[in-house]
N, C-alpha and C. Protein backbone atom coordinates (compact mmCIF):
# COMPACT_ATOMS: atom_id res chain seq x y z
N UNK A 1 0.84 -1.18 0.00
CA UNK A 1 0.00 0.00 0.00
C UNK A 1 0.89 1.24 0.00
N UNK A 2 0.49 2.21 -0.77
CA UNK A 2 1.23 3.47 -0.81
C UNK A 2 1.10 4.19 0.52
N UNK A 3 2.09 5.02 0.80
CA UNK A 3 2.08 5.78 2.04
C UNK A 3 0.86 6.71 2.08
N UNK A 4 0.16 6.68 3.18
CA UNK A 4 -1.02 7.52 3.35
C UNK A 4 -0.69 8.71 4.21
N UNK A 5 -1.42 9.78 3.99
CA UNK A 5 -1.27 10.97 4.82
C UNK A 5 -2.63 11.60 5.05
N UNK A 6 -2.69 12.43 6.03
CA UNK A 6 -3.94 13.09 6.40
C UNK A 6 -4.17 14.29 5.49
N UNK A 7 -5.35 14.41 4.95
CA UNK A 7 -5.78 15.57 4.17
C UNK A 7 -7.16 15.96 4.68
N UNK A 8 -7.45 17.22 4.69
CA UNK A 8 -8.76 17.66 5.16
C UNK A 8 -9.10 19.02 4.59
N UNK A 9 -10.38 19.35 4.66
CA UNK A 9 -10.87 20.67 4.30
C UNK A 9 -11.45 21.27 5.57
N UNK A 10 -11.20 22.53 5.75
CA UNK A 10 -11.59 23.20 6.98
C UNK A 10 -12.35 24.47 6.62
N UNK A 11 -13.44 24.73 7.30
CA UNK A 11 -14.17 25.98 7.09
C UNK A 11 -14.92 26.36 8.36
N UNK A 12 -15.27 27.62 8.42
CA UNK A 12 -15.99 28.18 9.56
C UNK A 12 -17.41 28.55 9.14
N UNK A 13 -18.36 28.26 9.99
CA UNK A 13 -19.76 28.57 9.75
C UNK A 13 -20.29 29.47 10.85
N UNK A 14 -21.37 30.14 10.57
CA UNK A 14 -22.14 30.79 11.63
C UNK A 14 -23.39 29.94 11.83
N UNK A 15 -24.22 30.34 12.74
CA UNK A 15 -25.46 29.60 12.98
C UNK A 15 -26.31 29.53 11.72
N UNK A 16 -26.29 30.59 10.93
CA UNK A 16 -27.17 30.68 9.77
C UNK A 16 -26.48 30.56 8.42
N UNK A 17 -25.16 30.64 8.38
CA UNK A 17 -24.45 30.66 7.10
C UNK A 17 -23.34 29.62 7.08
N UNK A 18 -23.36 28.79 6.05
CA UNK A 18 -22.33 27.78 5.83
C UNK A 18 -21.17 28.39 5.04
N UNK A 19 -19.96 27.99 5.37
CA UNK A 19 -18.80 28.38 4.58
C UNK A 19 -18.47 29.85 4.60
N UNK A 20 -18.56 30.45 5.76
CA UNK A 20 -18.23 31.87 5.88
C UNK A 20 -16.76 32.10 5.54
N UNK A 21 -15.89 31.25 6.05
CA UNK A 21 -14.46 31.36 5.78
C UNK A 21 -13.86 29.97 5.90
N UNK A 22 -12.89 29.69 5.05
CA UNK A 22 -12.25 28.39 5.10
C UNK A 22 -11.08 28.32 4.13
N UNK A 23 -10.69 27.11 3.82
CA UNK A 23 -9.52 26.89 2.97
C UNK A 23 -9.62 27.60 1.62
N UNK A 24 -10.78 27.55 0.98
CA UNK A 24 -10.94 28.18 -0.32
C UNK A 24 -10.77 29.68 -0.28
N UNK A 25 -11.42 30.32 0.67
CA UNK A 25 -11.32 31.78 0.78
C UNK A 25 -9.92 32.18 1.24
N UNK A 26 -9.32 31.38 2.08
CA UNK A 26 -7.94 31.61 2.53
C UNK A 26 -6.98 31.55 1.34
N UNK A 27 -7.13 30.53 0.50
CA UNK A 27 -6.28 30.42 -0.69
C UNK A 27 -6.51 31.59 -1.64
N UNK A 28 -7.77 32.00 -1.77
CA UNK A 28 -8.10 33.12 -2.64
C UNK A 28 -7.47 34.41 -2.13
N UNK A 29 -7.55 34.67 -0.83
CA UNK A 29 -6.92 35.86 -0.28
C UNK A 29 -5.41 35.85 -0.50
N UNK A 30 -4.79 34.70 -0.29
CA UNK A 30 -3.35 34.59 -0.52
C UNK A 30 -2.99 34.84 -1.99
N UNK A 31 -3.83 34.33 -2.89
CA UNK A 31 -3.59 34.53 -4.32
C UNK A 31 -3.78 35.99 -4.71
N UNK A 32 -4.79 36.64 -4.15
CA UNK A 32 -5.00 38.07 -4.41
C UNK A 32 -3.78 38.85 -3.95
N UNK A 33 -3.27 38.51 -2.79
CA UNK A 33 -2.10 39.20 -2.24
C UNK A 33 -0.89 39.03 -3.16
N UNK A 34 -0.70 37.84 -3.69
CA UNK A 34 0.47 37.60 -4.54
C UNK A 34 0.27 38.05 -5.99
N UNK A 35 -0.94 37.96 -6.49
CA UNK A 35 -1.21 38.28 -7.90
C UNK A 35 -1.57 39.75 -8.13
N UNK A 36 -2.09 40.43 -7.11
CA UNK A 36 -2.40 41.85 -7.22
C UNK A 36 -3.77 42.20 -7.72
N UNK A 37 -4.58 41.19 -8.04
CA UNK A 37 -5.96 41.48 -8.45
C UNK A 37 -6.82 40.23 -8.25
N UNK A 38 -8.10 40.48 -8.12
CA UNK A 38 -9.06 39.39 -7.97
C UNK A 38 -9.12 38.58 -9.26
N UNK A 39 -9.07 39.27 -10.39
CA UNK A 39 -9.12 38.59 -11.67
C UNK A 39 -7.91 37.66 -11.86
N UNK A 40 -6.72 38.18 -11.59
CA UNK A 40 -5.51 37.35 -11.74
C UNK A 40 -5.51 36.19 -10.75
N UNK A 41 -5.99 36.44 -9.53
CA UNK A 41 -6.05 35.38 -8.52
C UNK A 41 -7.01 34.29 -8.94
N UNK A 42 -8.18 34.68 -9.46
CA UNK A 42 -9.15 33.67 -9.89
C UNK A 42 -8.59 32.83 -11.03
N UNK A 43 -7.86 33.45 -11.93
CA UNK A 43 -7.23 32.70 -13.03
C UNK A 43 -6.16 31.75 -12.49
N UNK A 44 -5.36 32.23 -11.55
CA UNK A 44 -4.30 31.39 -10.97
C UNK A 44 -4.87 30.18 -10.26
N UNK A 45 -6.03 30.35 -9.62
CA UNK A 45 -6.66 29.25 -8.89
C UNK A 45 -7.63 28.44 -9.76
N UNK A 46 -7.79 28.89 -11.00
CA UNK A 46 -8.69 28.22 -11.94
C UNK A 46 -10.13 28.17 -11.43
N UNK A 47 -10.58 29.30 -10.92
CA UNK A 47 -11.99 29.45 -10.56
C UNK A 47 -12.53 30.66 -11.31
N UNK A 48 -13.82 30.72 -11.49
CA UNK A 48 -14.38 31.84 -12.23
C UNK A 48 -14.27 33.12 -11.41
N UNK A 49 -14.17 34.23 -12.13
CA UNK A 49 -14.12 35.53 -11.48
C UNK A 49 -15.40 35.74 -10.67
N UNK A 50 -16.52 35.32 -11.21
CA UNK A 50 -17.81 35.47 -10.52
C UNK A 50 -17.81 34.73 -9.19
N UNK A 51 -17.29 33.51 -9.16
CA UNK A 51 -17.22 32.75 -7.91
C UNK A 51 -16.29 33.44 -6.92
N UNK A 52 -15.13 33.88 -7.39
CA UNK A 52 -14.17 34.55 -6.52
C UNK A 52 -14.79 35.81 -5.93
N UNK A 53 -15.43 36.60 -6.76
CA UNK A 53 -16.07 37.83 -6.30
C UNK A 53 -17.16 37.51 -5.29
N UNK A 54 -17.98 36.50 -5.59
CA UNK A 54 -19.06 36.10 -4.68
C UNK A 54 -18.54 35.58 -3.35
N UNK A 55 -17.47 34.79 -3.40
CA UNK A 55 -16.87 34.26 -2.16
C UNK A 55 -16.36 35.38 -1.27
N UNK A 56 -15.69 36.34 -1.87
CA UNK A 56 -15.15 37.45 -1.08
C UNK A 56 -16.27 38.33 -0.52
N UNK A 57 -17.29 38.56 -1.32
CA UNK A 57 -18.43 39.37 -0.86
C UNK A 57 -19.14 38.68 0.30
N UNK A 58 -19.33 37.37 0.18
CA UNK A 58 -19.98 36.59 1.24
C UNK A 58 -19.17 36.65 2.53
N UNK A 59 -17.86 36.45 2.42
CA UNK A 59 -17.01 36.48 3.61
C UNK A 59 -17.05 37.85 4.27
N UNK A 60 -16.92 38.90 3.48
CA UNK A 60 -16.93 40.25 4.04
C UNK A 60 -18.26 40.57 4.72
N UNK A 61 -19.35 40.16 4.11
CA UNK A 61 -20.67 40.43 4.68
C UNK A 61 -20.88 39.66 5.98
N UNK A 62 -20.52 38.39 5.99
CA UNK A 62 -20.74 37.56 7.17
C UNK A 62 -19.79 37.93 8.32
N UNK A 63 -18.56 38.30 7.98
CA UNK A 63 -17.58 38.65 9.00
C UNK A 63 -17.71 40.11 9.43
N UNK A 64 -18.46 40.87 8.63
CA UNK A 64 -18.63 42.30 8.87
C UNK A 64 -17.28 43.02 8.93
N UNK A 65 -16.44 42.67 7.96
CA UNK A 65 -15.10 43.24 7.88
C UNK A 65 -14.70 43.36 6.41
N UNK A 66 -13.98 44.41 6.08
CA UNK A 66 -13.46 44.57 4.71
C UNK A 66 -12.15 43.81 4.61
N UNK A 67 -12.13 42.79 3.78
CA UNK A 67 -10.93 41.99 3.56
C UNK A 67 -10.10 42.54 2.41
N UNK A 68 -10.78 43.20 1.48
CA UNK A 68 -10.13 43.66 0.26
C UNK A 68 -10.32 45.16 0.05
N UNK A 69 -9.32 45.74 -0.58
CA UNK A 69 -9.40 47.11 -1.06
C UNK A 69 -9.36 47.02 -2.58
N UNK A 70 -10.44 47.48 -3.22
CA UNK A 70 -10.57 47.33 -4.66
C UNK A 70 -10.32 48.66 -5.36
N UNK A 71 -9.59 48.60 -6.47
CA UNK A 71 -9.34 49.77 -7.29
C UNK A 71 -9.82 49.44 -8.70
N UNK A 72 -10.77 50.20 -9.18
CA UNK A 72 -11.35 49.95 -10.49
C UNK A 72 -10.31 50.02 -11.58
N UNK A 73 -10.62 49.31 -12.66
CA UNK A 73 -9.71 49.26 -13.80
C UNK A 73 -9.71 50.53 -14.61
N UNK A 74 -9.15 50.45 -15.73
CA UNK A 74 -9.00 51.56 -16.65
C UNK A 74 -8.00 51.13 -17.69
N UNK A 75 -7.30 52.07 -18.23
CA UNK A 75 -6.30 51.72 -19.25
C UNK A 75 -5.23 50.81 -18.68
N UNK A 76 -4.86 51.03 -17.44
CA UNK A 76 -3.79 50.23 -16.83
C UNK A 76 -4.34 49.00 -16.10
N UNK A 77 -5.64 48.83 -16.06
CA UNK A 77 -6.24 47.68 -15.38
C UNK A 77 -6.47 47.98 -13.92
N UNK A 78 -7.30 47.17 -13.29
CA UNK A 78 -7.63 47.36 -11.89
C UNK A 78 -6.65 46.65 -10.98
N UNK A 79 -6.87 46.83 -9.71
CA UNK A 79 -6.02 46.17 -8.72
C UNK A 79 -6.86 45.86 -7.49
N UNK A 80 -6.48 44.85 -6.81
CA UNK A 80 -7.12 44.48 -5.55
C UNK A 80 -6.01 44.12 -4.58
N UNK A 81 -6.09 44.62 -3.37
CA UNK A 81 -5.11 44.26 -2.36
C UNK A 81 -5.85 43.96 -1.05
N UNK A 82 -5.16 43.29 -0.17
CA UNK A 82 -5.74 42.96 1.12
C UNK A 82 -5.68 44.17 2.04
N UNK A 83 -6.75 44.36 2.79
CA UNK A 83 -6.73 45.37 3.84
C UNK A 83 -5.90 44.82 4.99
N UNK A 84 -5.64 45.64 5.97
CA UNK A 84 -4.93 45.16 7.17
C UNK A 84 -5.72 44.03 7.82
N UNK A 85 -7.05 44.17 7.85
CA UNK A 85 -7.89 43.11 8.42
C UNK A 85 -7.81 41.85 7.58
N UNK A 86 -7.74 41.99 6.27
CA UNK A 86 -7.58 40.84 5.38
C UNK A 86 -6.28 40.12 5.65
N UNK A 87 -5.21 40.89 5.83
CA UNK A 87 -3.91 40.29 6.14
C UNK A 87 -3.95 39.58 7.49
N UNK A 88 -4.65 40.15 8.45
CA UNK A 88 -4.77 39.52 9.77
C UNK A 88 -5.55 38.22 9.68
N UNK A 89 -6.60 38.18 8.86
CA UNK A 89 -7.36 36.94 8.67
C UNK A 89 -6.48 35.86 8.05
N UNK A 90 -5.69 36.22 7.07
CA UNK A 90 -4.79 35.24 6.43
C UNK A 90 -3.78 34.73 7.45
N UNK A 91 -3.19 35.62 8.20
CA UNK A 91 -2.17 35.24 9.19
C UNK A 91 -2.76 34.34 10.28
N UNK A 92 -3.90 34.75 10.83
CA UNK A 92 -4.53 33.97 11.90
C UNK A 92 -5.01 32.61 11.40
N UNK A 93 -5.63 32.57 10.22
CA UNK A 93 -6.13 31.31 9.68
C UNK A 93 -4.98 30.37 9.35
N UNK A 94 -3.87 30.92 8.87
CA UNK A 94 -2.70 30.10 8.57
C UNK A 94 -2.21 29.39 9.83
N UNK A 95 -2.11 30.12 10.93
CA UNK A 95 -1.68 29.53 12.20
C UNK A 95 -2.71 28.53 12.72
N UNK A 96 -3.98 28.90 12.65
CA UNK A 96 -5.07 28.03 13.09
C UNK A 96 -5.05 26.72 12.31
N UNK A 97 -4.94 26.82 10.98
CA UNK A 97 -4.95 25.63 10.13
C UNK A 97 -3.73 24.75 10.40
N UNK A 98 -2.58 25.37 10.63
CA UNK A 98 -1.36 24.62 10.93
C UNK A 98 -1.51 23.82 12.21
N UNK A 99 -2.09 24.41 13.22
CA UNK A 99 -2.30 23.69 14.48
C UNK A 99 -3.28 22.54 14.31
N UNK A 100 -4.33 22.75 13.53
CA UNK A 100 -5.30 21.68 13.26
C UNK A 100 -4.63 20.55 12.49
N UNK A 101 -3.80 20.90 11.52
CA UNK A 101 -3.10 19.90 10.72
C UNK A 101 -2.17 19.05 11.60
N UNK A 102 -1.45 19.68 12.50
CA UNK A 102 -0.57 18.95 13.40
C UNK A 102 -1.37 18.01 14.31
N UNK A 103 -2.51 18.49 14.81
CA UNK A 103 -3.35 17.65 15.66
C UNK A 103 -3.92 16.46 14.88
N UNK A 104 -4.30 16.70 13.63
CA UNK A 104 -4.82 15.61 12.79
C UNK A 104 -3.74 14.57 12.50
N UNK A 105 -2.52 15.02 12.22
CA UNK A 105 -1.42 14.10 11.97
C UNK A 105 -1.10 13.28 13.22
N UNK A 106 -1.14 13.91 14.38
CA UNK A 106 -0.89 13.21 15.64
C UNK A 106 -1.97 12.15 15.89
N UNK A 107 -3.23 12.50 15.66
CA UNK A 107 -4.33 11.55 15.85
C UNK A 107 -4.23 10.40 14.84
N UNK A 108 -3.82 10.73 13.61
CA UNK A 108 -3.64 9.69 12.59
C UNK A 108 -2.59 8.68 13.03
N UNK A 109 -1.45 9.17 13.50
CA UNK A 109 -0.38 8.29 13.94
C UNK A 109 -0.83 7.44 15.13
N UNK A 110 -1.59 8.04 16.03
CA UNK A 110 -2.04 7.34 17.22
C UNK A 110 -3.04 6.23 16.90
N UNK A 111 -3.96 6.50 15.97
CA UNK A 111 -5.07 5.57 15.75
C UNK A 111 -5.00 4.77 14.45
N UNK A 112 -4.38 5.28 13.43
CA UNK A 112 -4.49 4.66 12.12
C UNK A 112 -3.19 4.06 11.59
N UNK A 113 -2.07 4.63 11.94
CA UNK A 113 -0.81 4.21 11.35
C UNK A 113 -0.54 2.72 11.52
N UNK A 114 -0.91 2.16 12.66
CA UNK A 114 -0.65 0.74 12.92
C UNK A 114 -1.43 -0.18 11.99
N UNK A 115 -2.51 0.33 11.36
CA UNK A 115 -3.31 -0.48 10.46
C UNK A 115 -2.78 -0.48 9.03
N UNK A 116 -1.90 0.45 8.72
CA UNK A 116 -1.38 0.62 7.37
C UNK A 116 -0.01 -0.03 7.24
N UNK A 117 0.14 -0.89 6.28
CA UNK A 117 1.39 -1.60 6.08
C UNK A 117 2.10 -1.15 4.84
């Protein structure tokens, strides 16, 4: 059997809204930060611009925080960058996800590794 490893998807919900923030929105924010625009980030992640825009709008509305600063296009094209709050969400979620990943790997080794040959 090939070596197995733990993989998971993580997201945060509110009482009334599913998928307020999670791995997808985290990856999108990181891509926006590195690519410089929502359009370029959506292309890099191979998701539609409409989905990317909708995901960011949903997150901002549910979290009641501006994650992005948008600059309309023109001859030179538009730009999107993370607000300070957006950067804080990326930083905090990165640490949160890392701790969850370590806990999952520890639980995997404790309970499952002995079954895999």
